[in-house]
Amino acid sequence: MHHRFAITGTATILLFASCFCLAPSSSAQGQETAATDAPRRVVKSDREWAKQLTHAQYLVTRLKYTEPAFSGKYLNSHSKGTYNCVCCGAPLFSSRTKFHSGTGWPSFYQPLDEKFVATAPDHEMAEPRVEVTCSTCGAHLGHVFPDGPPPTGLRFCVNSLALKFSPASASAAKPKAKATHAAKPKSTAHKATK
C-alpha cells in the first residue's frame, strides 16, 4: 500500500509540476504582457550577494539550502504586512495569505503578485518538487506543494531567511479616532524605583 501511494504521490507531483511550472505565454499578446509587466531584474555577482546578505541568508537564497524546520523567525508571525525578498526587496507574499501548515516553515496559499514569483521543477531530492524563486533576483525561496487550503489548494513553503517583513502602516491598519475633548497635560511625576 505504501508503494502504491508513493507512485501515486510521485505522479501527482509530476503532474502538478508540469501544470504549475508555466513558461511565459507563447502567444504574441502574452509576450507583450510579460514584457511590459515583468519586474526589473536585479543581477549581482556571488561576491556582491555574499557581502549584502548574512551567511545564513546567502546559503538559503543563493545556494538553495533549507533552514531547519521550526527555526524561522516568521513561522509564528501573525503581524499584518508584506513579506518581501530579503535580497532585492520585491513584494512576494501578503500576511493575508499566510496560514499555519504545521510543516515548520512559513506557508502561504498564493503570492502577492505572480509576476514576482517564479517556479521550476526541482529534481534534487528523490521525490520531485517545485522550487519557488524570486523572479526579480533569482533568490531561492522554498517550494510549492499541491496540499494547501482553498481557494488555491497550494502551499508555498518558504524559508524565513529568504524574507524580510514590512509591517502594514499603522495609519492604514487603524482609522484615526476623532478627538472629543482636550488632551490632558502630561504628568511630570516619576515613578519611584526600588
Foldseek 3Di string as FASTA:
>chain_A
DVVVVQVVVLVVQVVVQVVVQDDQDPDPVSVVCCVVPADAADEDDLVVQPVLADPVLSCCFPVPDADDFQPAPCLPDQFFFFKAFSRPRHTWATSVQWDNPVGRAIKGLGTPDVSQKHWHWDPPDVRIFIWIAGSRYGTTFGTKDQCDDPPRSIIDGGGNSRIDTDGDDPCVVDPDDDDPDDDDDDDPDDDDDD
